Amino acid sequence: MLENNKKVTFLQYLNTVILTAIGIFAAIAVITLDKIRDNQSDFATRLVKVETIQPLNTTSITDVSKRIGVLESNYLELIKSWVDANYIRKPQK
């Protein structure tokens, strides 16, 4: 009878330790998942902003490239003379 009580008491302690460990791991998992969910939401918001801004930037870059192309073609000689006047060229090897 005494051995049975010792076994039951030991099993109760073991059960308590196992349940406590499971509870701790579950709490850690919930906290981690909550942080992951918040990060994912933040990244989704940033992605939407990038997807919104990217076409605008692409359009702006295209417009600026066209304007520079026009300026280069119209003022190429002026640009060349300005560069020659303002920069010292290194001797070619």
PDB file of N, CA and C in Angstrom:
ATOM      1  N   MET A   1       0.820  -1.188   0.000  1.00  0.00           N
ATOM      2  CA  MET A   1       0.000   0.000   0.000  1.00  0.00           C
ATOM      3  C   MET A   1       0.870   1.261   0.000  1.00  0.00           C
ATOM      4  N   LEU A   2       1.914   1.252   0.806  1.00  0.00           N
ATOM      5  CA  LEU A   2       2.805   2.395   0.879  1.00  0.00           C
ATOM      6  C   LEU A   2       3.542   2.597  -0.431  1.00  0.00           C
ATOM      7  N   GLU A   3       3.939   1.484  -1.080  1.00  0.00           N
ATOM      8  CA  GLU A   3       4.605   1.580  -2.384  1.00  0.00           C
ATOM      9  C   GLU A   3       3.660   2.150  -3.427  1.00  0.00           C
ATOM     10  N   ASN A   4       2.420   1.751  -3.370  1.00  0.00           N
ATOM     11  CA  ASN A   4       1.428   2.287  -4.310  1.00  0.00           C
ATOM     12  C   ASN A   4       1.260   3.790  -4.132  1.00  0.00           C
ATOM     13  N   ASN A   5       1.217   4.273  -2.897  1.00  0.00           N
ATOM     14  CA  ASN A   5       1.091   5.707  -2.633  1.00  0.00           C
ATOM     15  C   ASN A   5       2.307   6.457  -3.147  1.00  0.00           C
ATOM     16  N   LYS A   6       3.502   5.878  -2.980  1.00  0.00           N
ATOM     17  CA  LYS A   6       4.711   6.516  -3.467  1.00  0.00           C
ATOM     18  C   LYS A   6       4.683   6.611  -4.993  1.00  0.00           C
ATOM     19  N   LYS A   7       4.242   5.513  -5.634  1.00  0.00           N
ATOM     20  CA  LYS A   7       4.160   5.524  -7.098  1.00  0.00           C
ATOM     21  C   LYS A   7       3.156   6.575  -7.573  1.00  0.00           C
ATOM     22  N   VAL A   8       1.997   6.642  -6.910  1.00  0.00           N
ATOM     23  CA  VAL A   8       0.966   7.594  -7.292  1.00  0.00           C
ATOM     24  C   VAL A   8       1.473   9.023  -7.082  1.00  0.00           C
ATOM     25  N   THR A   9       2.118   9.278  -5.951  1.00  0.00           N
ATOM     26  CA  THR A   9       2.659  10.601  -5.674  1.00  0.00           C
ATOM     27  C   THR A   9       3.717  10.973  -6.713  1.00  0.00           C
ATOM     28  N   PHE A  10       4.610  10.027  -7.026  1.00  0.00           N
ATOM     29  CA  PHE A  10       5.639  10.279  -8.034  1.00  0.00           C
ATOM     30  C   PHE A  10       5.013  10.569  -9.391  1.00  0.00           C
ATOM     31  N   LEU A  11       4.009   9.786  -9.766  1.00  0.00           N
ATOM     32  CA  LEU A  11       3.336   9.995 -11.044  1.00  0.00           C
ATOM     33  C   LEU A  11       2.601  11.342 -11.071  1.00  0.00           C
ATOM     34  N   GLN A  12       2.047  11.735  -9.923  1.00  0.00           N
ATOM     35  CA  GLN A  12       1.382  13.043  -9.868  1.00  0.00           C
ATOM     36  C   GLN A  12       2.398  14.166 -10.083  1.00  0.00           C
ATOM     37  N   TYR A  13       3.555  14.063  -9.426  1.00  0.00           N
ATOM     38  CA  TYR A  13       4.604  15.074  -9.624  1.00  0.00           C
ATOM     39  C   TYR A  13       5.096  15.080 -11.072  1.00  0.00           C
ATOM     40  N   LEU A  14       5.314  13.888 -11.608  1.00  0.00           N
ATOM     41  CA  LEU A  14       5.761  13.778 -12.998  1.00  0.00           C
ATOM     42  C   LEU A  14       4.722  14.377 -13.943  1.00  0.00           C
ATOM     43  N   ASN A  15       3.473  14.075 -13.710  1.00  0.00           N
ATOM     44  CA  ASN A  15       2.382  14.607 -14.513  1.00  0.00           C
ATOM     45  C   ASN A  15       2.339  16.128 -14.410  1.00  0.00           C
ATOM     46  N   THR A  16       2.508  16.670 -13.217  1.00  0.00           N
ATOM     47  CA  THR A  16       2.509  18.112 -13.012  1.00  0.00           C
ATOM     48  C   THR A  16       3.662  18.762 -13.765  1.00  0.00           C
ATOM     49  N   VAL A  17       4.848  18.156 -13.708  1.00  0.00           N
ATOM     50  CA  VAL A  17       6.015  18.694 -14.408  1.00  0.00           C
ATOM     51  C   VAL A  17       5.772  18.674 -15.917  1.00  0.00           C
ATOM     52  N   ILE A  18       5.256  17.582 -16.427  1.00  0.00           N
ATOM     53  CA  ILE A  18       4.993  17.464 -17.864  1.00  0.00           C
ATOM     54  C   ILE A  18       3.946  18.489 -18.300  1.00  0.00           C
ATOM     55  N   LEU A  19       2.877  18.632 -17.546  1.00  0.00           N
ATOM     56  CA  LEU A  19       1.830  19.601 -17.892  1.00  0.00           C
ATOM     57  C   LEU A  19       2.353  21.038 -17.803  1.00  0.00           C
ATOM     58  N   THR A  20       3.203  21.305 -16.835  1.00  0.00           N
ATOM     59  CA  THR A  20       3.799  22.642 -16.728  1.00  0.00           C
ATOM     60  C   THR A  20       4.684  22.930 -17.931  1.00  0.00           C
ATOM     61  N   ALA A  21       5.496  21.950 -18.311  1.00  0.00           N
ATOM     62  CA  ALA A  21       6.361  22.125 -19.480  1.00  0.00           C
ATOM     63  C   ALA A  21       5.528  22.352 -20.743  1.00  0.00           C
ATOM     64  N   ILE A  22       4.469  21.578 -20.899  1.00  0.00           N
ATOM     65  CA  ILE A  22       3.589  21.751 -22.063  1.00  0.00           C
ATOM     66  C   ILE A  22       2.956  23.139 -22.042  1.00  0.00           C
ATOM     67  N   GLY A  23       2.535  23.601 -20.875  1.00  0.00           N
ATOM     68  CA  GLY A  23       1.947  24.928 -20.755  1.00  0.00           C
ATOM     69  C   GLY A  23       2.937  26.027 -21.108  1.00  0.00           C
ATOM     70  N   ILE A  24       4.175  25.881 -20.653  1.00  0.00           N
ATOM     71  CA  ILE A  24       5.210  26.864 -20.967  1.00  0.00           C
ATOM     72  C   ILE A  24       5.477  26.878 -22.464  1.00  0.00           C
ATOM     73  N   PHE A  25       5.629  25.705 -23.055  1.00  0.00           N
ATOM     74  CA  PHE A  25       5.866  25.639 -24.505  1.00  0.00           C
ATOM     75  C   PHE A  25       4.693  26.211 -25.290  1.00  0.00           C
ATOM     76  N   ALA A  26       3.476  25.968 -24.823  1.00  0.00           N
ATOM     77  CA  ALA A  26       2.303  26.508 -25.508  1.00  0.00           C
ATOM     78  C   ALA A  26       2.292  28.036 -25.414  1.00  0.00           C
ATOM     79  N   ALA A  27       2.642  28.572 -24.245  1.00  0.00           N
ATOM     80  CA  ALA A  27       2.681  30.030 -24.089  1.00  0.00           C
ATOM     81  C   ALA A  27       3.746  30.638 -24.992  1.00  0.00           C
ATOM     82  N   ILE A  28       4.914  30.010 -25.055  1.00  0.00           N
ATOM     83  CA  ILE A  28       5.975  30.496 -25.938  1.00  0.00           C
ATOM     84  C   ILE A  28       5.519  30.455 -27.393  1.00  0.00           C
ATOM     85  N   ALA A  29       4.842  29.378 -27.777  1.00  0.00           N
ATOM     86  CA  ALA A  29       4.356  29.249 -29.148  1.00  0.00           C
ATOM     87  C   ALA A  29       3.338  30.336 -29.474  1.00  0.00           C
ATOM     88  N   VAL A  30       2.442  30.620 -28.553  1.00  0.00           N
ATOM     89  CA  VAL A  30       1.425  31.652 -28.787  1.00  0.00           C
ATOM     90  C   VAL A  30       2.086  33.023 -28.932  1.00  0.00           C
ATOM     91  N   ILE A  31       3.049  33.329 -28.061  1.00  0.00           N
ATOM     92  CA  ILE A  31       3.737  34.618 -28.135  1.00  0.00           C
ATOM     93  C   ILE A  31       4.493  34.738 -29.447  1.00  0.00           C
ATOM     94  N   THR A  32       5.198  33.677 -29.833  1.00  0.00           N
ATOM     95  CA  THR A  32       5.967  33.690 -31.076  1.00  0.00           C
ATOM     96  C   THR A  32       5.055  33.847 -32.284  1.00  0.00           C
ATOM     97  N   LEU A  33       3.964  33.116 -32.313  1.00  0.00           N
ATOM     98  CA  LEU A  33       3.021  33.219 -33.428  1.00  0.00           C
ATOM     99  C   LEU A  33       2.395  34.610 -33.505  1.00  0.00           C
ATOM    100  N   ASP A  34       2.126  35.212 -32.350  1.00  0.00           N
ATOM    101  CA  ASP A  34       1.575  36.561 -32.342  1.00  0.00           C
ATOM    102  C   ASP A  34       2.575  37.553 -32.929  1.00  0.00           C
ATOM    103  N   LYS A  35       3.851  37.422 -32.559  1.00  0.00           N
ATOM    104  CA  LYS A  35       4.882  38.307 -33.118  1.00  0.00           C
ATOM    105  C   LYS A  35       5.018  38.087 -34.623  1.00  0.00           C
ATOM    106  N   ILE A  36       4.983  36.829 -35.050  1.00  0.00           N
ATOM    107  CA  ILE A  36       5.084  36.524 -36.481  1.00  0.00           C
ATOM    108  C   ILE A  36       3.906  37.130 -37.228  1.00  0.00           C
ATOM    109  N   ARG A  37       2.716  37.036 -36.673  1.00  0.00           N
ATOM    110  CA  ARG A  37       1.519  37.594 -37.309  1.00  0.00           C
ATOM    111  C   ARG A  37       1.645  39.114 -37.424  1.00  0.00           C
ATOM    112  N   ASP A  38       2.140  39.768 -36.364  1.00  0.00           N
ATOM    113  CA  ASP A  38       2.319  41.218 -36.418  1.00  0.00           C
ATOM    114  C   ASP A  38       3.354  41.596 -37.473  1.00  0.00           C
ATOM    115  N   ASN A  39       4.473  40.868 -37.511  1.00  0.00           N
ATOM    116  CA  ASN A  39       5.504  41.146 -38.518  1.00  0.00           C
ATOM    117  C   ASN A  39       4.969  40.930 -39.925  1.00  0.00           C
ATOM    118  N   GLN A  40       4.198  39.873 -40.110  1.00  0.00           N
ATOM    119  CA  GLN A  40       3.642  39.585 -41.424  1.00  0.00           C
ATOM    120  C   GLN A  40       2.685  40.695 -41.851  1.00  0.00           C
ATOM    121  N   SER A  41       1.900  41.181 -40.928  1.00  0.00           N
ATOM    122  CA  SER A  41       0.984  42.275 -41.234  1.00  0.00           C
ATOM    123  C   SER A  41       1.750  43.538 -41.601  1.00  0.00           C
ATOM    124  N   ASP A  42       2.818  43.815 -40.862  1.00  0.00           N
ATOM    125  CA  ASP A  42       3.651  44.988 -41.152  1.00  0.00           C
ATOM    126  C   ASP A  42       4.300  44.855 -42.526  1.00  0.00           C
ATOM    127  N   PHE A  43       4.829  43.679 -42.831  1.00  0.00           N
ATOM    128  CA  PHE A  43       5.453  43.469 -44.140  1.00  0.00           C
ATOM    129  C   PHE A  43       4.429  43.548 -45.271  1.00  0.00           C
ATOM    130  N   ALA A  44       3.216  43.074 -45.027  1.00  0.00           N
ATOM    131  CA  ALA A  44       2.170  43.171 -46.051  1.00  0.00           C
ATOM    132  C   ALA A  44       1.833  44.639 -46.331  1.00  0.00           C
ATOM    133  N   THR A  45       1.782  45.447 -45.283  1.00  0.00           N
ATOM    134  CA  THR A  45       1.520  46.879 -45.457  1.00  0.00           C
ATOM    135  C   THR A  45       2.637  47.534 -46.257  1.00  0.00           C
ATOM    136  N   ARG A  46       3.887  47.199 -45.908  1.00  0.00           N
ATOM    137  CA  ARG A  46       5.026  47.753 -46.649  1.00  0.00           C
ATOM    138  C   ARG A  46       5.009  47.306 -48.103  1.00  0.00           C
ATOM    139  N   LEU A  47       4.649  46.060 -48.349  1.00  0.00           N
ATOM    140  CA  LEU A  47       4.599  45.553 -49.715  1.00  0.00           C
ATOM    141  C   LEU A  47       3.553  46.298 -50.538  1.00  0.00           C
ATOM    142  N   VAL A  48       2.415  46.579 -49.943  1.00  0.00           N
ATOM    143  CA  VAL A  48       1.376  47.339 -50.648  1.00  0.00           C
ATOM    144  C   VAL A  48       1.886  48.734 -50.981  1.00  0.00           C
ATOM    145  N   LYS A  49       2.622  49.359 -50.040  1.00  0.00           N
ATOM    146  CA  LYS A  49       3.183  50.681 -50.315  1.00  0.00           C
ATOM    147  C   LYS A  49       4.183  50.613 -51.459  1.00  0.00           C
ATOM    148  N   VAL A  50       5.044  49.604 -51.439  1.00  0.00           N
ATOM    149  CA  VAL A  50       6.041  49.460 -52.505  1.00  0.00           C
ATOM    150  C   VAL A  50       5.352  49.211 -53.838  1.00  0.00           C
ATOM    151  N   GLU A  51       4.343  48.359 -53.851  1.00  0.00           N
ATOM    152  CA  GLU A  51       3.623  48.079 -55.091  1.00  0.00           C
ATOM    153  C   GLU A  51       2.896  49.320 -55.607  1.00  0.00           C
ATOM    154  N   THR A  52       2.515  50.214 -54.714  1.00  0.00           N
ATOM    155  CA  THR A  52       1.861  51.454 -55.129  1.00  0.00           C
ATOM    156  C   THR A  52       2.879  52.450 -55.673  1.00  0.00           C
ATOM    157  N   ILE A  53       4.023  52.558 -54.996  1.00  0.00           N
ATOM    158  CA  ILE A  53       5.022  53.561 -55.371  1.00  0.00           C
ATOM    159  C   ILE A  53       5.841  53.131 -56.582  1.00  0.00           C
ATOM    160  N   GLN A  54       6.083  51.849 -56.748  1.00  0.00           N
ATOM    161  CA  GLN A  54       6.957  51.371 -57.821  1.00  0.00           C
ATOM    162  C   GLN A  54       6.504  51.804 -59.219  1.00  0.00           C
ATOM    163  N   PRO A  55       5.237  51.658 -59.589  1.00  0.00           N
ATOM    164  CA  PRO A  55       4.841  52.134 -60.926  1.00  0.00           C
ATOM    165  C   PRO A  55       5.026  53.639 -61.104  1.00  0.00           C
ATOM    166  N   LEU A  56       4.797  54.389 -60.033  1.00  0.00           N
ATOM    167  CA  LEU A  56       4.996  55.836 -60.118  1.00  0.00           C
ATOM    168  C   LEU A  56       6.463  56.154 -60.363  1.00  0.00           C
ATOM    169  N   ASN A  57       7.352  55.467 -59.645  1.00  0.00           N
ATOM    170  CA  ASN A  57       8.789  55.686 -59.836  1.00  0.00           C
ATOM    171  C   ASN A  57       9.226  55.260 -61.231  1.00  0.00           C
ATOM    172  N   THR A  58       8.701  54.151 -61.707  1.00  0.00           N
ATOM    173  CA  THR A  58       9.057  53.677 -63.040  1.00  0.00           C
ATOM    174  C   THR A  58       8.638  54.692 -64.096  1.00  0.00           C
ATOM    175  N   THR A  59       7.440  55.229 -63.942  1.00  0.00           N
ATOM    176  CA  THR A  59       6.961  56.248 -64.875  1.00  0.00           C
ATOM    177  C   THR A  59       7.834  57.496 -64.801  1.00  0.00           C
ATOM    178  N   SER A  60       8.183  57.909 -63.605  1.00  0.00           N
ATOM    179  CA  SER A  60       9.034  59.093 -63.436  1.00  0.00           C
ATOM    180  C   SER A  60      10.406  58.875 -64.063  1.00  0.00           C
ATOM    181  N   ILE A  61      10.984  57.707 -63.862  1.00  0.00           N
ATOM    182  CA  ILE A  61      12.291  57.402 -64.446  1.00  0.00           C
ATOM    183  C   ILE A  61      12.213  57.422 -65.970  1.00  0.00           C
ATOM    184  N   THR A  62      11.155  56.862 -66.523  1.00  0.00           N
ATOM    185  CA  THR A  62      10.975  56.864 -67.975  1.00  0.00           C
ATOM    186  C   THR A  62      10.860  58.293 -68.503  1.00  0.00           C
ATOM    187  N   ASP A  63      10.075  59.108 -67.812  1.00  0.00           N
ATOM    188  CA  ASP A  63       9.926  60.513 -68.235  1.00  0.00           C
ATOM    189  C   ASP A  63      11.253  61.259 -68.178  1.00  0.00           C
ATOM    190  N   VAL A  64      12.005  61.073 -67.099  1.00  0.00           N
ATOM    191  CA  VAL A  64      13.296  61.754 -66.961  1.00  0.00           C
ATOM    192  C   VAL A  64      14.263  61.255 -68.034  1.00  0.00           C
ATOM    193  N   SER A  65      14.256  59.957 -68.312  1.00  0.00           N
ATOM    194  CA  SER A  65      15.138  59.419 -69.352  1.00  0.00           C
ATOM    195  C   SER A  65      14.811  60.033 -70.714  1.00  0.00           C
ATOM    196  N   LYS A  66      13.535  60.180 -71.009  1.00  0.00           N
ATOM    197  CA  LYS A  66      13.135  60.802 -72.276  1.00  0.00           C
ATOM    198  C   LYS A  66      13.601  62.255 -72.329  1.00  0.00           C
ATOM    199  N   ARG A  67      13.412  62.983 -71.226  1.00  0.00           N
ATOM    200  CA  ARG A  67      13.822  64.386 -71.196  1.00  0.00           C
ATOM    201  C   ARG A  67      15.329  64.520 -71.365  1.00  0.00           C
ATOM    202  N   ILE A  68      16.091  63.658 -70.698  1.00  0.00           N
ATOM    203  CA  ILE A  68      17.548  63.711 -70.827  1.00  0.00           C
ATOM    204  C   ILE A  68      17.972  63.363 -72.251  1.00  0.00           C
ATOM    205  N   GLY A  69      17.305  62.391 -72.835  1.00  0.00           N
ATOM    206  CA  GLY A  69      17.603  62.041 -74.221  1.00  0.00           C
ATOM    207  C   GLY A  69      17.385  63.205 -75.160  1.00  0.00           C
ATOM    208  N   VAL A  70      16.285  63.926 -74.975  1.00  0.00           N
ATOM    209  CA  VAL A  70      15.999  65.095 -75.806  1.00  0.00           C
ATOM    210  C   VAL A  70      17.048  66.176 -75.575  1.00  0.00           C
ATOM    211  N   LEU A  71      17.385  66.435 -74.324  1.00  0.00           N
ATOM    212  CA  LEU A  71      18.398  67.446 -74.019  1.00  0.00           C
ATOM    213  C   LEU A  71      19.757  67.067 -74.595  1.00  0.00           C
ATOM    214  N   GLU A  72      20.120  65.809 -74.490  1.00  0.00           N
ATOM    215  CA  GLU A  72      21.403  65.368 -75.042  1.00  0.00           C
ATOM    216  C   GLU A  72      21.444  65.538 -76.550  1.00  0.00           C
ATOM    217  N   SER A  73      20.365  65.182 -77.196  1.00  0.00           N
ATOM    218  CA  SER A  73      20.367  65.308 -78.657  1.00  0.00           C
ATOM    219  C   SER A  73      20.367  66.768 -79.109  1.00  0.00           C
ATOM    220  N   ASN A  74      19.677  67.637 -78.369  1.00  0.00           N
ATOM    221  CA  ASN A  74      19.602  69.043 -78.756  1.00  0.00           C
ATOM    222  C   ASN A  74      20.838  69.844 -78.359  1.00  0.00           C
ATOM    223  N   TYR A  75      21.459  69.485 -77.256  1.00  0.00           N
ATOM    224  CA  TYR A  75      22.558  70.287 -76.730  1.00  0.00           C
ATOM    225  C   TYR A  75      23.863  69.502 -76.636  1.00  0.00           C
ATOM    226  N   LEU A  76      24.059  68.514 -77.493  1.00  0.00           N
ATOM    227  CA  LEU A  76      25.237  67.655 -77.412  1.00  0.00           C
ATOM    228  C   LEU A  76      26.528  68.453 -77.592  1.00  0.00           C
ATOM    229  N   GLU A  77      26.559  69.335 -78.545  1.00  0.00           N
ATOM    230  CA  GLU A  77      27.776  70.120 -78.784  1.00  0.00           C
ATOM    231  C   GLU A  77      28.075  71.041 -77.601  1.00  0.00           C
ATOM    232  N   LEU A  78      27.040  71.643 -77.023  1.00  0.00           N
ATOM    233  CA  LEU A  78      27.228  72.513 -75.864  1.00  0.00           C
ATOM    234  C   LEU A  78      27.746  71.703 -74.666  1.00  0.00           C
ATOM    235  N   ILE A  79      27.207  70.519 -74.478  1.00  0.00           N
ATOM    236  CA  ILE A  79      27.647  69.646 -73.381  1.00  0.00           C
ATOM    237  C   ILE A  79      29.104  69.254 -73.580  1.00  0.00           C
ATOM    238  N   LYS A  80      29.476  68.890 -74.811  1.00  0.00           N
ATOM    239  CA  LYS A  80      30.864  68.507 -75.086  1.00  0.00           C
ATOM    240  C   LYS A  80      31.819  69.663 -74.818  1.00  0.00           C
ATOM    241  N   SER A  81      31.464  70.854 -75.266  1.00  0.00           N
ATOM    242  CA  SER A  81      32.356  72.001 -75.051  1.00  0.00           C
ATOM    243  C   SER A  81      32.447  72.348 -73.562  1.00  0.00           C
ATOM    244  N   TRP A  82      31.347  72.212 -72.813  1.00  0.00           N
ATOM    245  CA  TRP A  82      31.373  72.486 -71.385  1.00  0.00           C
ATOM    246  C   TRP A  82      32.274  71.481 -70.667  1.00  0.00           C
ATOM    247  N   VAL A  83      32.151  70.201 -71.022  1.00  0.00           N
ATOM    248  CA  VAL A  83      32.985  69.160 -70.412  1.00  0.00           C
ATOM    249  C   VAL A  83      34.449  69.410 -70.740  1.00  0.00           C
ATOM    250  N   ASP A  84      34.747  69.746 -71.982  1.00  0.00           N
ATOM    251  CA  ASP A  84      36.137  70.021 -72.373  1.00  0.00           C
ATOM    252  C   ASP A  84      36.688  71.220 -71.606  1.00  0.00           C
ATOM    253  N   ALA A  85      35.851  72.216 -71.360  1.00  0.00           N
ATOM    254  CA  ALA A  85      36.311  73.420 -70.680  1.00  0.00           C
ATOM    255  C   ALA A  85      36.462  73.229 -69.172  1.00  0.00           C
ATOM    256  N   ASN A  86      35.709  72.321 -68.591  1.00  0.00           N
ATOM    257  CA  ASN A  86      35.671  72.205 -67.125  1.00  0.00           C
ATOM    258  C   ASN A  86      36.343  70.969 -66.550  1.00  0.00           C
ATOM    259  N   TYR A  87      36.758  70.034 -67.361  1.00  0.00           N
ATOM    260  CA  TYR A  87      37.397  68.822 -66.849  1.00  0.00           C
ATOM    261  C   TYR A  87      38.749  68.643 -67.507  1.00  0.00           C
ATOM    262  N   ILE A  88      39.714  68.217 -66.721  1.00  0.00           N
ATOM    263  CA  ILE A  88      41.042  67.916 -67.243  1.00  0.00           C
ATOM    264  C   ILE A  88      41.061  66.449 -67.600  1.00  0.00           C
ATOM    265  N   ARG A  89      41.382  66.165 -68.825  1.00  0.00           N
ATOM    266  CA  ARG A  89      41.410  64.768 -69.256  1.00  0.00           C
ATOM    267  C   ARG A  89      42.760  64.164 -68.926  1.00  0.00           C
ATOM    268  N   LYS A  90      42.714  62.917 -68.459  1.00  0.00           N
ATOM    269  CA  LYS A  90      43.948  62.198 -68.181  1.00  0.00           C
ATOM    270  C   LYS A  90      44.516  61.687 -69.494  1.00  0.00           C
ATOM    271  N   PRO A  91      45.826  61.663 -69.590  1.00  0.00           N
ATOM    272  CA  PRO A  91      46.408  61.127 -70.826  1.00  0.00           C
ATOM    273  C   PRO A  91      46.060  59.649 -70.990  1.00  0.00           C
ATOM    274  N   GLN A  92      45.752  59.258 -72.189  1.00  0.00           N
ATOM    275  CA  GLN A  92      45.413  57.879 -72.499  1.00  0.00           C
ATOM    276  C   GLN A  92      46.678  57.035 -72.552  1.00  0.00           C
ATOM    277  N   LYS A  93      46.608  55.846 -72.054  1.00  0.00           N
ATOM    278  CA  LYS A  93      47.758  54.923 -72.083  1.00  0.00           C
ATOM    279  C   LYS A  93      47.804  54.169 -73.366  1.00  0.00           C
TER     280      LYS A  93
END
